[in-house]
Amino acid sequence: MQRRHLIVHGHVQGVGFRWFTQRTALRLKIYGWVRNRADGTVEIDAQGETQAMKRFVKKIHQGNIRSKVVQLDEQIKSITDEFYTFEVR
């Protein structure tokens, strides 16, 4: 089990990126949340099984068809029991 905090830089707001992130997370049984930030980045707090998290981070780095991810900042966090689904905030 892993938990990661991600900041996604690039053309990631106004292009369906948060909804793409949620769909990807739910398919992989990843729980947490995603939200836009005022600086134009997208913030993600996600938790799931190690292999699923690796696939999730790879998909996030690739982005959806309308987005362009140019940088992905990643930080490992402590596991939590507060996530039960993956929500768009």
PDB file of N, CA and C in Angstrom:
ATOM      1  N   MET A   1       0.852  -1.182   0.000  1.00  0.00           N
ATOM      2  CA  MET A   1       0.000   0.000   0.000  1.00  0.00           C
ATOM      3  C   MET A   1       0.890   1.234   0.000  1.00  0.00           C
ATOM      4  N   GLN A   2       0.510   2.223  -0.812  1.00  0.00           N
ATOM      5  CA  GLN A   2       1.242   3.480  -0.916  1.00  0.00           C
ATOM      6  C   GLN A   2       0.272   4.649  -0.908  1.00  0.00           C
ATOM      7  N   ARG A   3       0.762   5.769  -0.458  1.00  0.00           N
ATOM      8  CA  ARG A   3       0.019   7.026  -0.569  1.00  0.00           C
ATOM      9  C   ARG A   3       0.969   8.061  -1.149  1.00  0.00           C
ATOM     10  N   ARG A   4       0.493   8.781  -2.140  1.00  0.00           N
ATOM     11  CA  ARG A   4       1.327   9.788  -2.787  1.00  0.00           C
ATOM     12  C   ARG A   4       0.577  11.106  -2.946  1.00  0.00           C
ATOM     13  N   HIS A   5       1.320  12.164  -2.778  1.00  0.00           N
ATOM     14  CA  HIS A   5       0.818  13.519  -3.013  1.00  0.00           C
ATOM     15  C   HIS A   5       1.482  13.987  -4.303  1.00  0.00           C
ATOM     16  N   LEU A   6       0.675  14.377  -5.289  1.00  0.00           N
ATOM     17  CA  LEU A   6       1.188  14.768  -6.595  1.00  0.00           C
ATOM     18  C   LEU A   6       0.761  16.196  -6.924  1.00  0.00           C
ATOM     19  N   ILE A   7       1.662  16.936  -7.537  1.00  0.00           N
ATOM     20  CA  ILE A   7       1.346  18.235  -8.123  1.00  0.00           C
ATOM     21  C   ILE A   7       1.665  18.102  -9.611  1.00  0.00           C
ATOM     22  N   VAL A   8       0.641  18.329 -10.434  1.00  0.00           N
ATOM     23  CA  VAL A   8       0.768  18.151 -11.877  1.00  0.00           C
ATOM     24  C   VAL A   8       0.835  19.528 -12.535  1.00  0.00           C
ATOM     25  N   HIS A   9       1.917  19.769 -13.278  1.00  0.00           N
ATOM     26  CA  HIS A   9       2.148  21.045 -13.961  1.00  0.00           C
ATOM     27  C   HIS A   9       1.919  20.875 -15.459  1.00  0.00           C
ATOM     28  N   GLY A  10       1.485  21.940 -16.095  1.00  0.00           N
ATOM     29  CA  GLY A  10       1.288  21.933 -17.546  1.00  0.00           C
ATOM     30  C   GLY A  10      -0.092  22.446 -17.895  1.00  0.00           C
ATOM     31  N   HIS A  11      -0.579  22.027 -19.045  1.00  0.00           N
ATOM     32  CA  HIS A  11      -1.932  22.407 -19.484  1.00  0.00           C
ATOM     33  C   HIS A  11      -2.884  21.350 -18.930  1.00  0.00           C
ATOM     34  N   VAL A  12      -3.310  21.541 -17.673  1.00  0.00           N
ATOM     35  CA  VAL A  12      -4.074  20.507 -16.959  1.00  0.00           C
ATOM     36  C   VAL A  12      -5.376  21.023 -16.352  1.00  0.00           C
ATOM     37  N   GLN A  13      -5.702  22.279 -16.572  1.00  0.00           N
ATOM     38  CA  GLN A  13      -6.989  22.812 -16.096  1.00  0.00           C
ATOM     39  C   GLN A  13      -7.847  23.192 -17.295  1.00  0.00           C
ATOM     40  N   GLY A  14      -9.151  22.927 -17.173  1.00  0.00           N
ATOM     41  CA  GLY A  14     -10.078  23.245 -18.247  1.00  0.00           C
ATOM     42  C   GLY A  14     -10.052  22.268 -19.403  1.00  0.00           C
ATOM     43  N   VAL A  15      -9.457  21.094 -19.176  1.00  0.00           N
ATOM     44  CA  VAL A  15      -9.322  20.088 -20.243  1.00  0.00           C
ATOM     45  C   VAL A  15      -9.836  18.710 -19.817  1.00  0.00           C
ATOM     46  N   GLY A  16     -10.574  18.647 -18.709  1.00  0.00           N
ATOM     47  CA  GLY A  16     -11.113  17.367 -18.236  1.00  0.00           C
ATOM     48  C   GLY A  16     -10.122  16.514 -17.472  1.00  0.00           C
ATOM     49  N   PHE A  17      -9.017  17.117 -17.057  1.00  0.00           N
ATOM     50  CA  PHE A  17      -7.960  16.336 -16.398  1.00  0.00           C
ATOM     51  C   PHE A  17      -8.397  15.752 -15.058  1.00  0.00           C
ATOM     52  N   ARG A  18      -9.152  16.501 -14.268  1.00  0.00           N
ATOM     53  CA  ARG A  18      -9.592  15.971 -12.964  1.00  0.00           C
ATOM     54  C   ARG A  18     -10.517  14.780 -13.148  1.00  0.00           C
ATOM     55  N   TRP A  19     -11.405  14.855 -14.132  1.00  0.00           N
ATOM     56  CA  TRP A  19     -12.339  13.745 -14.380  1.00  0.00           C
ATOM     57  C   TRP A  19     -11.592  12.530 -14.924  1.00  0.00           C
ATOM     58  N   PHE A  20     -10.584  12.767 -15.777  1.00  0.00           N
ATOM     59  CA  PHE A  20      -9.703  11.700 -16.256  1.00  0.00           C
ATOM     60  C   PHE A  20      -8.996  11.038 -15.072  1.00  0.00           C
ATOM     61  N   THR A  21      -8.509  11.863 -14.149  1.00  0.00           N
ATOM     62  CA  THR A  21      -7.820  11.353 -12.963  1.00  0.00           C
ATOM     63  C   THR A  21      -8.756  10.490 -12.128  1.00  0.00           C
ATOM     64  N   GLN A  22      -9.979  10.960 -11.919  1.00  0.00           N
ATOM     65  CA  GLN A  22     -10.944  10.192 -11.128  1.00  0.00           C
ATOM     66  C   GLN A  22     -11.271   8.856 -11.792  1.00  0.00           C
ATOM     67  N   ARG A  23     -11.546   8.865 -13.094  1.00  0.00           N
ATOM     68  CA  ARG A  23     -11.861   7.611 -13.806  1.00  0.00           C
ATOM     69  C   ARG A  23     -10.700   6.630 -13.722  1.00  0.00           C
ATOM     70  N   THR A  24      -9.488   7.139 -13.923  1.00  0.00           N
ATOM     71  CA  THR A  24      -8.296   6.295 -13.858  1.00  0.00           C
ATOM     72  C   THR A  24      -8.145   5.701 -12.466  1.00  0.00           C
ATOM     73  N   ALA A  25      -8.313   6.519 -11.447  1.00  0.00           N
ATOM     74  CA  ALA A  25      -8.179   6.060 -10.058  1.00  0.00           C
ATOM     75  C   ALA A  25      -9.202   4.981  -9.734  1.00  0.00           C
ATOM     76  N   LEU A  26     -10.447   5.214 -10.081  1.00  0.00           N
ATOM     77  CA  LEU A  26     -11.495   4.246  -9.741  1.00  0.00           C
ATOM     78  C   LEU A  26     -11.284   2.916 -10.454  1.00  0.00           C
ATOM     79  N   ARG A  27     -10.809   2.957 -11.709  1.00  0.00           N
ATOM     80  CA  ARG A  27     -10.507   1.712 -12.432  1.00  0.00           C
ATOM     81  C   ARG A  27      -9.418   0.901 -11.730  1.00  0.00           C
ATOM     82  N   LEU A  28      -8.464   1.607 -11.127  1.00  0.00           N
ATOM     83  CA  LEU A  28      -7.320   0.946 -10.488  1.00  0.00           C
ATOM     84  C   LEU A  28      -7.514   0.727  -8.988  1.00  0.00           C
ATOM     85  N   LYS A  29      -8.694   1.065  -8.477  1.00  0.00           N
ATOM     86  CA  LYS A  29      -8.989   0.955  -7.043  1.00  0.00           C
ATOM     87  C   LYS A  29      -8.044   1.822  -6.208  1.00  0.00           C
ATOM     88  N   ILE A  30      -7.859   3.045  -6.697  1.00  0.00           N
ATOM     89  CA  ILE A  30      -7.080   4.065  -6.000  1.00  0.00           C
ATOM     90  C   ILE A  30      -8.083   4.997  -5.327  1.00  0.00           C
ATOM     91  N   TYR A  31      -7.804   5.393  -4.103  1.00  0.00           N
ATOM     92  CA  TYR A  31      -8.711   6.245  -3.344  1.00  0.00           C
ATOM     93  C   TYR A  31      -8.019   7.547  -2.965  1.00  0.00           C
ATOM     94  N   GLY A  32      -8.807   8.620  -2.850  1.00  0.00           N
ATOM     95  CA  GLY A  32      -8.254   9.919  -2.484  1.00  0.00           C
ATOM     96  C   GLY A  32      -9.035  11.034  -3.132  1.00  0.00           C
ATOM     97  N   TRP A  33      -8.320  12.047  -3.634  1.00  0.00           N
ATOM     98  CA  TRP A  33      -8.983  13.201  -4.244  1.00  0.00           C
ATOM     99  C   TRP A  33      -8.065  13.923  -5.226  1.00  0.00           C
ATOM    100  N   VAL A  34      -8.700  14.763  -6.054  1.00  0.00           N
ATOM    101  CA  VAL A  34      -7.984  15.615  -7.009  1.00  0.00           C
ATOM    102  C   VAL A  34      -8.660  16.980  -7.005  1.00  0.00           C
ATOM    103  N   ARG A  35      -7.864  18.050  -7.140  1.00  0.00           N
ATOM    104  CA  ARG A  35      -8.442  19.396  -7.206  1.00  0.00           C
ATOM    105  C   ARG A  35      -7.529  20.331  -8.001  1.00  0.00           C
ATOM    106  N   ASN A  36      -8.147  21.362  -8.572  1.00  0.00           N
ATOM    107  CA  ASN A  36      -7.398  22.433  -9.224  1.00  0.00           C
ATOM    108  C   ASN A  36      -6.822  23.349  -8.159  1.00  0.00           C
ATOM    109  N   ARG A  37      -5.665  23.925  -8.476  1.00  0.00           N
ATOM    110  CA  ARG A  37      -5.066  24.928  -7.597  1.00  0.00           C
ATOM    111  C   ARG A  37      -5.048  26.268  -8.312  1.00  0.00           C
ATOM    112  N   ALA A  38      -5.005  27.329  -7.541  1.00  0.00           N
ATOM    113  CA  ALA A  38      -5.054  28.688  -8.096  1.00  0.00           C
ATOM    114  C   ALA A  38      -3.886  28.985  -9.037  1.00  0.00           C
ATOM    115  N   ASP A  39      -2.765  28.292  -8.868  1.00  0.00           N
ATOM    116  CA  ASP A  39      -1.585  28.556  -9.701  1.00  0.00           C
ATOM    117  C   ASP A  39      -1.619  27.829 -11.048  1.00  0.00           C
ATOM    118  N   GLY A  40      -2.726  27.140 -11.361  1.00  0.00           N
ATOM    119  CA  GLY A  40      -2.859  26.451 -12.644  1.00  0.00           C
ATOM    120  C   GLY A  40      -2.441  24.996 -12.623  1.00  0.00           C
ATOM    121  N   THR A  41      -1.946  24.527 -11.490  1.00  0.00           N
ATOM    122  CA  THR A  41      -1.578  23.119 -11.361  1.00  0.00           C
ATOM    123  C   THR A  41      -2.779  22.323 -10.847  1.00  0.00           C
ATOM    124  N   VAL A  42      -2.623  21.008 -10.835  1.00  0.00           N
ATOM    125  CA  VAL A  42      -3.621  20.110 -10.259  1.00  0.00           C
ATOM    126  C   VAL A  42      -2.947  19.343  -9.130  1.00  0.00           C
ATOM    127  N   GLU A  43      -3.644  19.235  -8.009  1.00  0.00           N
ATOM    128  CA  GLU A  43      -3.135  18.538  -6.821  1.00  0.00           C
ATOM    129  C   GLU A  43      -3.899  17.231  -6.645  1.00  0.00           C
ATOM    130  N   ILE A  44      -3.155  16.163  -6.347  1.00  0.00           N
ATOM    131  CA  ILE A  44      -3.747  14.837  -6.152  1.00  0.00           C
ATOM    132  C   ILE A  44      -3.206  14.240  -4.864  1.00  0.00           C
ATOM    133  N   ASP A  45      -4.090  13.668  -4.060  1.00  0.00           N
ATOM    134  CA  ASP A  45      -3.701  12.873  -2.891  1.00  0.00           C
ATOM    135  C   ASP A  45      -4.327  11.504  -3.117  1.00  0.00           C
ATOM    136  N   ALA A  46      -3.502  10.490  -3.319  1.00  0.00           N
ATOM    137  CA  ALA A  46      -4.004   9.183  -3.739  1.00  0.00           C
ATOM    138  C   ALA A  46      -3.336   8.059  -2.966  1.00  0.00           C
ATOM    139  N   GLN A  47      -4.109   7.001  -2.747  1.00  0.00           N
ATOM    140  CA  GLN A  47      -3.621   5.847  -1.993  1.00  0.00           C
ATOM    141  C   GLN A  47      -4.151   4.562  -2.618  1.00  0.00           C
ATOM    142  N   GLY A  48      -3.284   3.553  -2.690  1.00  0.00           N
ATOM    143  CA  GLY A  48      -3.696   2.260  -3.229  1.00  0.00           C
ATOM    144  C   GLY A  48      -2.560   1.263  -3.161  1.00  0.00           C
ATOM    145  N   GLU A  49      -2.817   0.076  -3.699  1.00  0.00           N
ATOM    146  CA  GLU A  49      -1.791  -0.965  -3.731  1.00  0.00           C
ATOM    147  C   GLU A  49      -0.603  -0.495  -4.577  1.00  0.00           C
ATOM    148  N   THR A  50       0.581  -0.957  -4.233  1.00  0.00           N
ATOM    149  CA  THR A  50       1.819  -0.468  -4.843  1.00  0.00           C
ATOM    150  C   THR A  50       1.806  -0.551  -6.363  1.00  0.00           C
ATOM    151  N   GLN A  51       1.469  -1.703  -6.930  1.00  0.00           N
ATOM    152  CA  GLN A  51       1.474  -1.846  -8.389  1.00  0.00           C
ATOM    153  C   GLN A  51       0.422  -0.948  -9.040  1.00  0.00           C
ATOM    154  N   ALA A  52      -0.747  -0.845  -8.421  1.00  0.00           N
ATOM    155  CA  ALA A  52      -1.802   0.027  -8.944  1.00  0.00           C
ATOM    156  C   ALA A  52      -1.350   1.486  -8.904  1.00  0.00           C
ATOM    157  N   MET A  53      -0.665   1.872  -7.845  1.00  0.00           N
ATOM    158  CA  MET A  53      -0.179   3.248  -7.740  1.00  0.00           C
ATOM    159  C   MET A  53       0.860   3.544  -8.818  1.00  0.00           C
ATOM    160  N   LYS A  54       1.718   2.584  -9.121  1.00  0.00           N
ATOM    161  CA  LYS A  54       2.707   2.781 -10.189  1.00  0.00           C
ATOM    162  C   LYS A  54       2.009   3.030 -11.521  1.00  0.00           C
ATOM    163  N   ARG A  55       0.975   2.231 -11.814  1.00  0.00           N
ATOM    164  CA  ARG A  55       0.217   2.407 -13.056  1.00  0.00           C
ATOM    165  C   ARG A  55      -0.516   3.749 -13.055  1.00  0.00           C
ATOM    166  N   PHE A  56      -1.075   4.118 -11.904  1.00  0.00           N
ATOM    167  CA  PHE A  56      -1.800   5.383 -11.768  1.00  0.00           C
ATOM    168  C   PHE A  56      -0.876   6.569 -12.059  1.00  0.00           C
ATOM    169  N   VAL A  57       0.279   6.597 -11.421  1.00  0.00           N
ATOM    170  CA  VAL A  57       1.220   7.711 -11.608  1.00  0.00           C
ATOM    171  C   VAL A  57       1.662   7.787 -13.071  1.00  0.00           C
ATOM    172  N   LYS A  58       1.887   6.641 -13.697  1.00  0.00           N
ATOM    173  CA  LYS A  58       2.274   6.617 -15.114  1.00  0.00           C
ATOM    174  C   LYS A  58       1.168   7.225 -15.979  1.00  0.00           C
ATOM    175  N   LYS A  59      -0.089   6.851 -15.726  1.00  0.00           N
ATOM    176  CA  LYS A  59      -1.227   7.386 -16.486  1.00  0.00           C
ATOM    177  C   LYS A  59      -1.380   8.891 -16.261  1.00  0.00           C
ATOM    178  N   ILE A  60      -1.189   9.328 -15.023  1.00  0.00           N
ATOM    179  CA  ILE A  60      -1.288  10.757 -14.718  1.00  0.00           C
ATOM    180  C   ILE A  60      -0.207  11.519 -15.479  1.00  0.00           C
ATOM    181  N   HIS A  61       0.988  10.980 -15.520  1.00  0.00           N
ATOM    182  CA  HIS A  61       2.083  11.633 -16.240  1.00  0.00           C
ATOM    183  C   HIS A  61       1.781  11.715 -17.734  1.00  0.00           C
ATOM    184  N   GLN A  62       1.109  10.701 -18.280  1.00  0.00           N
ATOM    185  CA  GLN A  62       0.729  10.717 -19.701  1.00  0.00           C
ATOM    186  C   GLN A  62      -0.399  11.715 -19.955  1.00  0.00           C
ATOM    187  N   GLY A  63      -1.314  11.851 -18.996  1.00  0.00           N
ATOM    188  CA  GLY A  63      -2.442  12.765 -19.131  1.00  0.00           C
ATOM    189  C   GLY A  63      -3.509  12.250 -20.076  1.00  0.00           C
ATOM    190  N   ASN A  64      -4.548  13.063 -20.248  1.00  0.00           N
ATOM    191  CA  ASN A  64      -5.596  12.710 -21.200  1.00  0.00           C
ATOM    192  C   ASN A  64      -5.300  13.377 -22.539  1.00  0.00           C
ATOM    193  N   ILE A  65      -6.166  13.158 -23.499  1.00  0.00           N
ATOM    194  CA  ILE A  65      -5.904  13.619 -24.866  1.00  0.00           C
ATOM    195  C   ILE A  65      -5.810  15.142 -24.983  1.00  0.00           C
ATOM    196  N   ARG A  66      -6.500  15.879 -24.132  1.00  0.00           N
ATOM    197  CA  ARG A  66      -6.526  17.344 -24.221  1.00  0.00           C
ATOM    198  C   ARG A  66      -5.502  18.024 -23.315  1.00  0.00           C
ATOM    199  N   SER A  67      -4.873  17.269 -22.430  1.00  0.00           N
ATOM    200  CA  SER A  67      -3.919  17.868 -21.485  1.00  0.00           C
ATOM    201  C   SER A  67      -2.483  17.703 -21.980  1.00  0.00           C
ATOM    202  N   LYS A  68      -1.590  18.453 -21.358  1.00  0.00           N
ATOM    203  CA  LYS A  68      -0.159  18.289 -21.604  1.00  0.00           C
ATOM    204  C   LYS A  68       0.550  18.439 -20.264  1.00  0.00           C
ATOM    205  N   VAL A  69       0.978  17.322 -19.723  1.00  0.00           N
ATOM    206  CA  VAL A  69       1.705  17.316 -18.451  1.00  0.00           C
ATOM    207  C   VAL A  69       3.172  17.587 -18.754  1.00  0.00           C
ATOM    208  N   VAL A  70       3.728  18.617 -18.117  1.00  0.00           N
ATOM    209  CA  VAL A  70       5.134  18.949 -18.340  1.00  0.00           C
ATOM    210  C   VAL A  70       6.010  18.621 -17.134  1.00  0.00           C
ATOM    211  N   GLN A  71       5.394  18.491 -15.972  1.00  0.00           N
ATOM    212  CA  GLN A  71       6.151  18.160 -14.763  1.00  0.00           C
ATOM    213  C   GLN A  71       5.208  17.522 -13.757  1.00  0.00           C
ATOM    214  N   LEU A  72       5.728  16.546 -13.027  1.00  0.00           N
ATOM    215  CA  LEU A  72       4.955  15.871 -11.989  1.00  0.00           C
ATOM    216  C   LEU A  72       5.804  15.821 -10.726  1.00  0.00           C
ATOM    217  N   ASP A  73       5.408  16.596  -9.712  1.00  0.00           N
ATOM    218  CA  ASP A  73       6.092  16.575  -8.418  1.00  0.00           C
ATOM    219  C   ASP A  73       5.420  15.517  -7.561  1.00  0.00           C
ATOM    220  N   GLU A  74       6.215  14.688  -6.933  1.00  0.00           N
ATOM    221  CA  GLU A  74       5.677  13.537  -6.212  1.00  0.00           C
ATOM    222  C   GLU A  74       6.290  13.441  -4.820  1.00  0.00           C
ATOM    223  N   GLN A  75       5.440  13.181  -3.842  1.00  0.00           N
ATOM    224  CA  GLN A  75       5.891  13.021  -2.463  1.00  0.00           C
ATOM    225  C   GLN A  75       5.162  11.827  -1.853  1.00  0.00           C
ATOM    226  N   ILE A  76       5.901  10.953  -1.178  1.00  0.00           N
ATOM    227  CA  ILE A  76       5.297   9.817  -0.483  1.00  0.00           C
ATOM    228  C   ILE A  76       4.785  10.302   0.869  1.00  0.00           C
ATOM    229  N   LYS A  77       3.569   9.878   1.217  1.00  0.00           N
ATOM    230  CA  LYS A  77       2.952  10.277   2.483  1.00  0.00           C
ATOM    231  C   LYS A  77       2.597   9.037   3.292  1.00  0.00           C
ATOM    232  N   SER A  78       2.247   9.246   4.544  1.00  0.00           N
ATOM    233  CA  SER A  78       1.820   8.151   5.423  1.00  0.00           C
ATOM    234  C   SER A  78       0.437   7.655   5.009  1.00  0.00           C
ATOM    235  N   ILE A  79       0.238   6.351   5.109  1.00  0.00           N
ATOM    236  CA  ILE A  79      -1.046   5.717   4.797  1.00  0.00           C
ATOM    237  C   ILE A  79      -2.119   6.272   5.734  1.00  0.00           C
ATOM    238  N   THR A  80      -3.328   6.443   5.191  1.00  0.00           N
ATOM    239  CA  THR A  80      -4.451   6.940   5.981  1.00  0.00           C
ATOM    240  C   THR A  80      -5.649   6.007   5.828  1.00  0.00           C
ATOM    241  N   ASP A  81      -6.592   6.101   6.738  1.00  0.00           N
ATOM    242  CA  ASP A  81      -7.824   5.317   6.609  1.00  0.00           C
ATOM    243  C   ASP A  81      -9.014   6.226   6.298  1.00  0.00           C
ATOM    244  N   GLU A  82      -8.742   7.457   5.851  1.00  0.00           N
ATOM    245  CA  GLU A  82      -9.821   8.414   5.597  1.00  0.00           C
ATOM    246  C   GLU A  82     -10.374   8.354   4.171  1.00  0.00           C
ATOM    247  N   PHE A  83      -9.742   7.607   3.270  1.00  0.00           N
ATOM    248  CA  PHE A  83     -10.196   7.544   1.878  1.00  0.00           C
ATOM    249  C   PHE A  83     -11.058   6.309   1.646  1.00  0.00           C
ATOM    250  N   TYR A  84     -12.247   6.526   1.050  1.00  0.00           N
ATOM    251  CA  TYR A  84     -13.159   5.418   0.736  1.00  0.00           C
ATOM    252  C   TYR A  84     -13.552   5.406  -0.735  1.00  0.00           C
ATOM    253  N   THR A  85     -13.261   6.495  -1.438  1.00  0.00           N
ATOM    254  CA  THR A  85     -13.548   6.629  -2.861  1.00  0.00           C
ATOM    255  C   THR A  85     -12.525   7.604  -3.428  1.00  0.00           C
ATOM    256  N   PHE A  86     -12.696   7.998  -4.677  1.00  0.00           N
ATOM    257  CA  PHE A  86     -11.816   9.013  -5.255  1.00  0.00           C
ATOM    258  C   PHE A  86     -12.698  10.152  -5.725  1.00  0.00           C
ATOM    259  N   GLU A  87     -12.509  11.327  -5.138  1.00  0.00           N
ATOM    260  CA  GLU A  87     -13.411  12.439  -5.432  1.00  0.00           C
ATOM    261  C   GLU A  87     -12.717  13.593  -6.139  1.00  0.00           C
ATOM    262  N   VAL A  88     -13.497  14.284  -6.950  1.00  0.00           N
ATOM    263  CA  VAL A  88     -13.065  15.532  -7.574  1.00  0.00           C
ATOM    264  C   VAL A  88     -13.517  16.648  -6.656  1.00  0.00           C
ATOM    265  N   ARG A  89     -12.586  17.470  -6.237  1.00  0.00           N
ATOM    266  CA  ARG A  89     -12.912  18.589  -5.331  1.00  0.00           C
ATOM    267  C   ARG A  89     -12.911  19.900  -6.080  1.00  0.00           C
TER     268      ARG A  89
END
